[in-house]
Amino acid sequence: MGLQIAFIIGLAAVHIFASRLRKLSAVPRSAWLSLAGGVSVAYVFIHIFPALSDAHETINAHGLLAVLEHNAYIVALIGLAVFYGLEQVATKYSHKGQQENPVNFQKLKGVFWIHIGSFSLYNALIGYLLVYRNNELPAIIFFFLAMSAHFLVNDQGLVRHHRDIYLSKGRWVLAAAVIVGWLIGLSVDVSEPIISLLYAFVAGGIVLNVLKEELPEDRHSRFWPFALGALSCTVLLSFS
């Protein structure tokens, strides 16, 4: 339990203090952010995606969504699609786009809270899933490291879209969300198939949220740090 408390505070602290690392917001993209992106993606492909096969069997065994042949993978795809849609909305109405298409401030504020609300749910799910790594020391360590790297990448994207309001309010909401999710996980126990579905949804979100930060040309992302992060995480997971 002590280790979990330390890790959940650490995850919350990423959102609270990441904005102080101003070099991460620089263009060309910080090598550290590309490294973190590589770690996050590798964790999904080497650890989470293979686990989706087991999740699929678990879901089928309990009759949950058994009618869908590839249920766990469909849920992962839904997670990716949901965050892609939210990103499109945020990009369209971001402060950066105000100069070309002036919009009502209340509308911008509404988009911000939709964006933050979705990421709060996302963070809460990650906090909730941390509870289910309790008896697996290597698993909880890798989960913490991968999610910390992922939160760092997400934070920079949110600063880019909503800078002032995110720094004053949004980061605190996201930090609180991961703690609330963890507390709910301690008090609300759900079945293994439900955990598998939550895991799949988060996997899809991680893939989208990392790749959308690394792929656009205007980020001037760095391939070699990204590859180093992915390779390092892959090696560690393969031999752990």
C-alpha atoms as a PDB file:
ATOM      1  CA  MET A   1       0.000   0.000   0.000  1.00  0.00           C
ATOM      2  CA  GLY A   2       2.840   2.394   0.813  1.00  0.00           C
ATOM      3  CA  LEU A   3       4.313   1.929  -2.650  1.00  0.00           C
ATOM      4  CA  GLN A   4       0.954   2.577  -4.261  1.00  0.00           C
ATOM      5  CA  ILE A   5       0.515   5.804  -2.293  1.00  0.00           C
ATOM      6  CA  ALA A   6       3.946   6.998  -3.400  1.00  0.00           C
ATOM      7  CA  PHE A   7       3.192   6.148  -7.027  1.00  0.00           C
ATOM      8  CA  ILE A   8      -0.239   7.780  -7.085  1.00  0.00           C
ATOM      9  CA  ILE A   9       1.214  10.978  -5.581  1.00  0.00           C
ATOM     10  CA  GLY A  10       3.985  10.788  -8.176  1.00  0.00           C
ATOM     11  CA  LEU A  11       1.477  10.541 -11.033  1.00  0.00           C
ATOM     12  CA  ALA A  12      -0.481  13.515  -9.708  1.00  0.00           C
ATOM     13  CA  ALA A  13       2.755  15.501  -9.308  1.00  0.00           C
ATOM     14  CA  VAL A  14       3.564  15.084 -13.004  1.00  0.00           C
ATOM     15  CA  HIS A  15       0.600  17.274 -13.939  1.00  0.00           C
ATOM     16  CA  ILE A  16       1.258  19.780 -11.177  1.00  0.00           C
ATOM     17  CA  PHE A  17       4.945  20.346 -11.905  1.00  0.00           C
ATOM     18  CA  ALA A  18       5.438  19.426 -15.588  1.00  0.00           C
ATOM     19  CA  SER A  19       4.606  22.962 -16.733  1.00  0.00           C
ATOM     20  CA  ARG A  20       7.652  24.254 -14.848  1.00  0.00           C
ATOM     21  CA  LEU A  21       9.894  22.363 -17.239  1.00  0.00           C
ATOM     22  CA  ARG A  22       9.706  25.093 -19.859  1.00  0.00           C
ATOM     23  CA  LYS A  23      12.272  23.484 -22.147  1.00  0.00           C
ATOM     24  CA  LEU A  24       9.754  20.700 -22.813  1.00  0.00           C
ATOM     25  CA  SER A  25       7.533  23.173 -24.679  1.00  0.00           C
ATOM     26  CA  ALA A  26      10.302  24.238 -27.049  1.00  0.00           C
ATOM     27  CA  VAL A  27      10.325  23.669 -30.797  1.00  0.00           C
ATOM     28  CA  PRO A  28      12.105  21.570 -32.048  1.00  0.00           C
ATOM     29  CA  ARG A  29      10.448  19.151 -29.648  1.00  0.00           C
ATOM     30  CA  SER A  30      12.349  18.270 -26.497  1.00  0.00           C
ATOM     31  CA  ALA A  31      14.238  15.007 -26.756  1.00  0.00           C
ATOM     32  CA  TRP A  32      12.885  14.118 -23.310  1.00  0.00           C
ATOM     33  CA  LEU A  33       9.294  14.317 -24.548  1.00  0.00           C
ATOM     34  CA  SER A  34      10.088  12.127 -27.536  1.00  0.00           C
ATOM     35  CA  LEU A  35      11.827   9.671 -25.187  1.00  0.00           C
ATOM     36  CA  ALA A  36       8.737   9.644 -22.944  1.00  0.00           C
ATOM     37  CA  GLY A  37       6.525   9.070 -25.971  1.00  0.00           C
ATOM     38  CA  GLY A  38       8.622   6.085 -27.014  1.00  0.00           C
ATOM     39  CA  VAL A  39       8.367   4.570 -23.539  1.00  0.00           C
ATOM     40  CA  SER A  40       4.576   4.990 -23.495  1.00  0.00           C
ATOM     41  CA  VAL A  41       4.056   3.431 -26.920  1.00  0.00           C
ATOM     42  CA  ALA A  42       6.377   0.516 -26.191  1.00  0.00           C
ATOM     43  CA  TYR A  43       4.528  -0.197 -22.952  1.00  0.00           C
ATOM     44  CA  VAL A  44       1.261  -0.436 -24.877  1.00  0.00           C
ATOM     45  CA  PHE A  45       2.601  -2.688 -27.636  1.00  0.00           C
ATOM     46  CA  ILE A  46       4.767  -4.956 -25.480  1.00  0.00           C
ATOM     47  CA  HIS A  47       2.686  -5.141 -22.304  1.00  0.00           C
ATOM     48  CA  ILE A  48      -0.902  -3.972 -22.798  1.00  0.00           C
ATOM     49  CA  PHE A  49      -1.708  -5.248 -26.293  1.00  0.00           C
ATOM     50  CA  PRO A  50      -0.573  -8.823 -25.548  1.00  0.00           C
ATOM     51  CA  ALA A  51      -2.692  -8.634 -22.387  1.00  0.00           C
ATOM     52  CA  LEU A  52      -5.710  -7.826 -24.567  1.00  0.00           C
ATOM     53  CA  SER A  53      -5.618 -11.404 -25.816  1.00  0.00           C
ATOM     54  CA  ASP A  54      -6.110 -12.632 -22.241  1.00  0.00           C
ATOM     55  CA  ALA A  55      -8.708  -9.905 -21.718  1.00  0.00           C
ATOM     56  CA  HIS A  56     -10.596 -11.174 -24.763  1.00  0.00           C
ATOM     57  CA  GLU A  57     -10.711 -14.694 -23.319  1.00  0.00           C
ATOM     58  CA  THR A  58     -11.795 -13.389 -19.910  1.00  0.00           C
ATOM     59  CA  ILE A  59     -14.587 -11.303 -21.424  1.00  0.00           C
ATOM     60  CA  ASN A  60     -15.844 -14.218 -23.510  1.00  0.00           C
ATOM     61  CA  ALA A  61     -15.722 -16.608 -20.564  1.00  0.00           C
ATOM     62  CA  HIS A  62     -18.115 -14.364 -18.618  1.00  0.00           C
ATOM     63  CA  GLY A  63     -20.411 -13.701 -21.568  1.00  0.00           C
ATOM     64  CA  LEU A  64     -19.650  -9.965 -21.527  1.00  0.00           C
ATOM     65  CA  LEU A  65     -19.748  -8.656 -25.099  1.00  0.00           C
ATOM     66  CA  ALA A  66     -19.170 -12.236 -26.224  1.00  0.00           C
ATOM     67  CA  VAL A  67     -21.265 -11.474 -29.301  1.00  0.00           C
ATOM     68  CA  LEU A  68     -18.359  -9.358 -30.572  1.00  0.00           C
ATOM     69  CA  GLU A  69     -15.572 -11.517 -31.966  1.00  0.00           C
ATOM     70  CA  HIS A  70     -12.782  -9.058 -31.140  1.00  0.00           C
ATOM     71  CA  ASN A  71     -14.365  -7.324 -28.154  1.00  0.00           C
ATOM     72  CA  ALA A  72     -11.233  -6.156 -26.280  1.00  0.00           C
ATOM     73  CA  TYR A  73      -9.658  -4.797 -29.449  1.00  0.00           C
ATOM     74  CA  ILE A  74     -12.882  -3.027 -30.427  1.00  0.00           C
ATOM     75  CA  VAL A  75     -12.918  -1.296 -27.033  1.00  0.00           C
ATOM     76  CA  ALA A  76      -9.289  -0.242 -27.562  1.00  0.00           C
ATOM     77  CA  LEU A  77     -10.267   1.183 -30.947  1.00  0.00           C
ATOM     78  CA  ILE A  78     -13.155   3.058 -29.311  1.00  0.00           C
ATOM     79  CA  GLY A  79     -10.710   4.563 -26.823  1.00  0.00           C
ATOM     80  CA  LEU A  80      -8.511   5.750 -29.673  1.00  0.00           C
ATOM     81  CA  ALA A  81     -11.478   7.166 -31.612  1.00  0.00           C
ATOM     82  CA  VAL A  82     -12.908   9.017 -28.596  1.00  0.00           C
ATOM     83  CA  PHE A  83      -9.674  10.850 -27.898  1.00  0.00           C
ATOM     84  CA  TYR A  84      -9.117  11.554 -31.583  1.00  0.00           C
ATOM     85  CA  GLY A  85     -12.515  13.247 -31.750  1.00  0.00           C
ATOM     86  CA  LEU A  86     -11.809  15.294 -28.625  1.00  0.00           C
ATOM     87  CA  GLU A  87      -8.449  16.349 -30.035  1.00  0.00           C
ATOM     88  CA  GLN A  88     -10.092  17.558 -33.239  1.00  0.00           C
ATOM     89  CA  VAL A  89     -12.559  19.688 -31.285  1.00  0.00           C
ATOM     90  CA  ALA A  90      -9.805  21.128 -29.084  1.00  0.00           C
ATOM     91  CA  THR A  91      -7.606  21.918 -32.085  1.00  0.00           C
ATOM     92  CA  LYS A  92     -10.422  23.687 -33.925  1.00  0.00           C
ATOM     93  CA  TYR A  93     -11.243  25.948 -31.004  1.00  0.00           C
ATOM     94  CA  SER A  94      -7.846  26.291 -29.357  1.00  0.00           C
ATOM     95  CA  HIS A  95      -6.525  29.717 -28.416  1.00  0.00           C
ATOM     96  CA  LYS A  96      -3.962  29.366 -31.164  1.00  0.00           C
ATOM     97  CA  GLY A  97      -6.771  29.379 -33.711  1.00  0.00           C
ATOM     98  CA  GLN A  98      -8.585  32.408 -32.341  1.00  0.00           C
ATOM     99  CA  GLN A  99      -6.756  34.836 -34.608  1.00  0.00           C
ATOM    100  CA  GLU A 100      -8.087  33.177 -37.751  1.00  0.00           C
ATOM    101  CA  ASN A 101     -11.552  32.242 -36.483  1.00  0.00           C
ATOM    102  CA  PRO A 102     -12.631  34.389 -33.527  1.00  0.00           C
ATOM    103  CA  VAL A 103     -15.140  32.547 -31.349  1.00  0.00           C
ATOM    104  CA  ASN A 104     -17.100  33.348 -28.250  1.00  0.00           C
ATOM    105  CA  PHE A 105     -15.029  33.058 -25.048  1.00  0.00           C
ATOM    106  CA  GLN A 106     -17.734  30.953 -23.394  1.00  0.00           C
ATOM    107  CA  LYS A 107     -17.518  28.498 -26.271  1.00  0.00           C
ATOM    108  CA  LEU A 108     -13.759  28.232 -25.816  1.00  0.00           C
ATOM    109  CA  LYS A 109     -14.270  27.712 -22.108  1.00  0.00           C
ATOM    110  CA  GLY A 110     -16.826  25.004 -22.820  1.00  0.00           C
ATOM    111  CA  VAL A 111     -14.389  23.186 -25.121  1.00  0.00           C
ATOM    112  CA  PHE A 112     -11.741  23.396 -22.423  1.00  0.00           C
ATOM    113  CA  TRP A 113     -13.975  21.749 -19.835  1.00  0.00           C
ATOM    114  CA  ILE A 114     -15.025  19.038 -22.277  1.00  0.00           C
ATOM    115  CA  HIS A 115     -11.333  18.337 -22.954  1.00  0.00           C
ATOM    116  CA  ILE A 116     -10.411  18.395 -19.277  1.00  0.00           C
ATOM    117  CA  GLY A 117     -13.467  16.341 -18.350  1.00  0.00           C
ATOM    118  CA  SER A 118     -12.502  13.584 -20.768  1.00  0.00           C
ATOM    119  CA  PHE A 119      -8.903  13.546 -19.564  1.00  0.00           C
ATOM    120  CA  SER A 120     -10.110  13.525 -15.968  1.00  0.00           C
ATOM    121  CA  LEU A 121     -12.073  10.345 -16.681  1.00  0.00           C
ATOM    122  CA  TYR A 122      -9.023   8.954 -18.442  1.00  0.00           C
ATOM    123  CA  ASN A 123      -6.754   9.790 -15.488  1.00  0.00           C
ATOM    124  CA  ALA A 124      -9.282   8.346 -13.048  1.00  0.00           C
ATOM    125  CA  LEU A 125      -9.288   5.069 -14.990  1.00  0.00           C
ATOM    126  CA  ILE A 126      -5.489   4.948 -14.839  1.00  0.00           C
ATOM    127  CA  GLY A 127      -5.580   5.613 -11.095  1.00  0.00           C
ATOM    128  CA  TYR A 128      -8.222   2.914 -10.727  1.00  0.00           C
ATOM    129  CA  LEU A 129      -6.157   0.390 -12.695  1.00  0.00           C
ATOM    130  CA  LEU A 130      -3.133   1.077 -10.482  1.00  0.00           C
ATOM    131  CA  VAL A 131      -4.964  -0.691  -7.641  1.00  0.00           C
ATOM    132  CA  TYR A 132      -4.972  -3.916  -9.646  1.00  0.00           C
ATOM    133  CA  ARG A 133      -1.162  -3.940  -9.880  1.00  0.00           C
ATOM    134  CA  ASN A 134      -0.909  -4.206  -6.089  1.00  0.00           C
ATOM    135  CA  ASN A 135       0.519  -7.716  -5.819  1.00  0.00           C
ATOM    136  CA  GLU A 136       2.825  -7.522  -8.826  1.00  0.00           C
ATOM    137  CA  LEU A 137       5.893  -5.438  -7.954  1.00  0.00           C
ATOM    138  CA  PRO A 138       7.528  -5.333 -11.422  1.00  0.00           C
ATOM    139  CA  ALA A 139       4.141  -4.653 -13.034  1.00  0.00           C
ATOM    140  CA  ILE A 140       3.282  -1.727 -10.769  1.00  0.00           C
ATOM    141  CA  ILE A 141       6.732  -0.175 -11.268  1.00  0.00           C
ATOM    142  CA  PHE A 142       6.517  -0.389 -15.051  1.00  0.00           C
ATOM    143  CA  PHE A 143       2.922   0.856 -14.975  1.00  0.00           C
ATOM    144  CA  PHE A 144       3.972   3.878 -12.924  1.00  0.00           C
ATOM    145  CA  LEU A 145       6.956   4.715 -15.140  1.00  0.00           C
ATOM    146  CA  ALA A 146       5.000   4.320 -18.375  1.00  0.00           C
ATOM    147  CA  MET A 147       2.038   6.363 -17.134  1.00  0.00           C
ATOM    148  CA  SER A 148       4.325   9.087 -15.747  1.00  0.00           C
ATOM    149  CA  ALA A 149       5.928   9.409 -19.176  1.00  0.00           C
ATOM    150  CA  HIS A 150       2.482   9.406 -20.765  1.00  0.00           C
ATOM    151  CA  PHE A 151       1.145  12.109 -18.423  1.00  0.00           C
ATOM    152  CA  LEU A 152       4.167  14.253 -19.257  1.00  0.00           C
ATOM    153  CA  VAL A 153       3.357  14.026 -22.968  1.00  0.00           C
ATOM    154  CA  ASN A 154      -0.361  14.721 -22.384  1.00  0.00           C
ATOM    155  CA  ASP A 155       0.418  17.708 -20.190  1.00  0.00           C
ATOM    156  CA  GLN A 156       2.409  19.457 -22.901  1.00  0.00           C
ATOM    157  CA  GLY A 157      -0.402  18.944 -25.398  1.00  0.00           C
ATOM    158  CA  LEU A 158      -2.957  20.446 -23.023  1.00  0.00           C
ATOM    159  CA  VAL A 159      -0.706  23.431 -22.299  1.00  0.00           C
ATOM    160  CA  ARG A 160      -0.446  24.039 -26.033  1.00  0.00           C
ATOM    161  CA  HIS A 161      -4.235  24.068 -26.485  1.00  0.00           C
ATOM    162  CA  HIS A 162      -5.413  25.822 -23.326  1.00  0.00           C
ATOM    163  CA  ARG A 163      -2.322  27.355 -21.759  1.00  0.00           C
ATOM    164  CA  ASP A 164      -3.548  29.932 -19.190  1.00  0.00           C
ATOM    165  CA  ILE A 165      -6.709  28.224 -18.007  1.00  0.00           C
ATOM    166  CA  TYR A 166      -5.006  24.826 -17.989  1.00  0.00           C
ATOM    167  CA  LEU A 167      -2.133  26.077 -15.839  1.00  0.00           C
ATOM    168  CA  SER A 168      -4.473  27.824 -13.405  1.00  0.00           C
ATOM    169  CA  LYS A 169      -7.161  25.127 -13.144  1.00  0.00           C
ATOM    170  CA  GLY A 170      -6.822  22.186 -15.491  1.00  0.00           C
ATOM    171  CA  ARG A 171      -3.629  20.627 -14.157  1.00  0.00           C
ATOM    172  CA  TRP A 172      -5.056  20.564 -10.622  1.00  0.00           C
ATOM    173  CA  VAL A 173      -8.225  18.862 -11.835  1.00  0.00           C
ATOM    174  CA  LEU A 174      -6.223  16.164 -13.650  1.00  0.00           C
ATOM    175  CA  ALA A 175      -3.948  15.629 -10.647  1.00  0.00           C
ATOM    176  CA  ALA A 176      -7.000  15.211  -8.413  1.00  0.00           C
ATOM    177  CA  ALA A 177      -8.678  12.874 -10.922  1.00  0.00           C
ATOM    178  CA  VAL A 178      -5.937  10.249 -10.795  1.00  0.00           C
ATOM    179  CA  ILE A 179      -6.066  10.254  -6.975  1.00  0.00           C
ATOM    180  CA  VAL A 180      -9.880  10.002  -6.971  1.00  0.00           C
ATOM    181  CA  GLY A 181      -9.702   7.093  -9.415  1.00  0.00           C
ATOM    182  CA  TRP A 182      -7.244   5.305  -7.138  1.00  0.00           C
ATOM    183  CA  LEU A 183      -9.441   5.888  -4.075  1.00  0.00           C
ATOM    184  CA  ILE A 184     -12.453   4.504  -5.947  1.00  0.00           C
ATOM    185  CA  GLY A 185     -10.358   1.469  -6.876  1.00  0.00           C
ATOM    186  CA  LEU A 186      -9.645   0.835  -3.201  1.00  0.00           C
ATOM    187  CA  SER A 187     -13.312   0.950  -2.264  1.00  0.00           C
ATOM    188  CA  VAL A 188     -15.124  -0.390  -5.344  1.00  0.00           C
ATOM    189  CA  ASP A 189     -14.235  -3.862  -6.549  1.00  0.00           C
ATOM    190  CA  VAL A 190     -15.386  -4.861 -10.032  1.00  0.00           C
ATOM    191  CA  SER A 191     -15.134  -8.102 -11.971  1.00  0.00           C
ATOM    192  CA  GLU A 192     -12.097  -9.104 -14.002  1.00  0.00           C
ATOM    193  CA  PRO A 193     -13.922  -8.690 -17.357  1.00  0.00           C
ATOM    194  CA  ILE A 194     -14.751  -5.054 -16.508  1.00  0.00           C
ATOM    195  CA  ILE A 195     -11.122  -4.416 -15.598  1.00  0.00           C
ATOM    196  CA  SER A 196     -10.133  -5.921 -18.944  1.00  0.00           C
ATOM    197  CA  LEU A 197     -12.478  -3.550 -20.776  1.00  0.00           C
ATOM    198  CA  LEU A 198     -11.148  -0.514 -18.880  1.00  0.00           C
ATOM    199  CA  TYR A 199      -7.605  -1.630 -19.660  1.00  0.00           C
ATOM    200  CA  ALA A 200      -8.447  -1.911 -23.350  1.00  0.00           C
ATOM    201  CA  PHE A 201     -10.038   1.552 -23.470  1.00  0.00           C
ATOM    202  CA  VAL A 202      -7.007   3.127 -21.810  1.00  0.00           C
ATOM    203  CA  ALA A 203      -4.696   1.315 -24.253  1.00  0.00           C
ATOM    204  CA  GLY A 204      -6.433   2.921 -27.223  1.00  0.00           C
ATOM    205  CA  GLY A 205      -6.251   6.332 -25.572  1.00  0.00           C
ATOM    206  CA  ILE A 206      -2.538   6.002 -24.872  1.00  0.00           C
ATOM    207  CA  VAL A 207      -1.732   5.129 -28.489  1.00  0.00           C
ATOM    208  CA  LEU A 208      -3.658   8.115 -29.845  1.00  0.00           C
ATOM    209  CA  ASN A 209      -2.467  10.618 -27.248  1.00  0.00           C
ATOM    210  CA  VAL A 210       1.187   9.757 -27.765  1.00  0.00           C
ATOM    211  CA  LEU A 211       1.194   9.505 -31.557  1.00  0.00           C
ATOM    212  CA  LYS A 212      -0.763  12.755 -32.020  1.00  0.00           C
ATOM    213  CA  GLU A 213       2.031  14.526 -30.146  1.00  0.00           C
ATOM    214  CA  GLU A 214       4.865  12.854 -32.056  1.00  0.00           C
ATOM    215  CA  LEU A 215       3.633  12.714 -35.664  1.00  0.00           C
ATOM    216  CA  PRO A 216       2.637  16.283 -36.691  1.00  0.00           C
ATOM    217  CA  GLU A 217       5.390  18.034 -38.628  1.00  0.00           C
ATOM    218  CA  ASP A 218       5.055  21.295 -36.672  1.00  0.00           C
ATOM    219  CA  ARG A 219       6.291  19.516 -33.517  1.00  0.00           C
ATOM    220  CA  HIS A 220       9.683  18.789 -35.155  1.00  0.00           C
ATOM    221  CA  SER A 221       9.752  15.615 -33.090  1.00  0.00           C
ATOM    222  CA  ARG A 222      12.959  13.654 -32.624  1.00  0.00           C
ATOM    223  CA  PHE A 223      13.044  10.113 -33.952  1.00  0.00           C
ATOM    224  CA  TRP A 224      16.130   8.800 -32.162  1.00  0.00           C
ATOM    225  CA  PRO A 225      15.059   9.733 -28.616  1.00  0.00           C
ATOM    226  CA  PHE A 226      11.621   8.252 -29.412  1.00  0.00           C
ATOM    227  CA  ALA A 227      13.266   5.060 -30.702  1.00  0.00           C
ATOM    228  CA  LEU A 228      15.585   4.923 -27.673  1.00  0.00           C
ATOM    229  CA  GLY A 229      12.631   5.217 -25.297  1.00  0.00           C
ATOM    230  CA  ALA A 230      10.724   2.500 -27.147  1.00  0.00           C
ATOM    231  CA  LEU A 231      13.753   0.192 -27.312  1.00  0.00           C
ATOM    232  CA  SER A 232      14.679   0.661 -23.640  1.00  0.00           C
ATOM    233  CA  CYS A 233      11.138  -0.041 -22.470  1.00  0.00           C
ATOM    234  CA  THR A 234      10.902  -3.062 -24.763  1.00  0.00           C
ATOM    235  CA  VAL A 235      14.124  -4.575 -23.434  1.00  0.00           C
ATOM    236  CA  LEU A 236      13.121  -4.015 -19.810  1.00  0.00           C
ATOM    237  CA  LEU A 237       9.675  -5.515 -20.303  1.00  0.00           C
ATOM    238  CA  SER A 238      11.014  -8.457 -22.291  1.00  0.00           C
ATOM    239  CA  PHE A 239      13.475  -9.512 -19.596  1.00  0.00           C
ATOM    240  CA  SER A 240      11.518  -8.568 -16.467  1.00  0.00           C
END
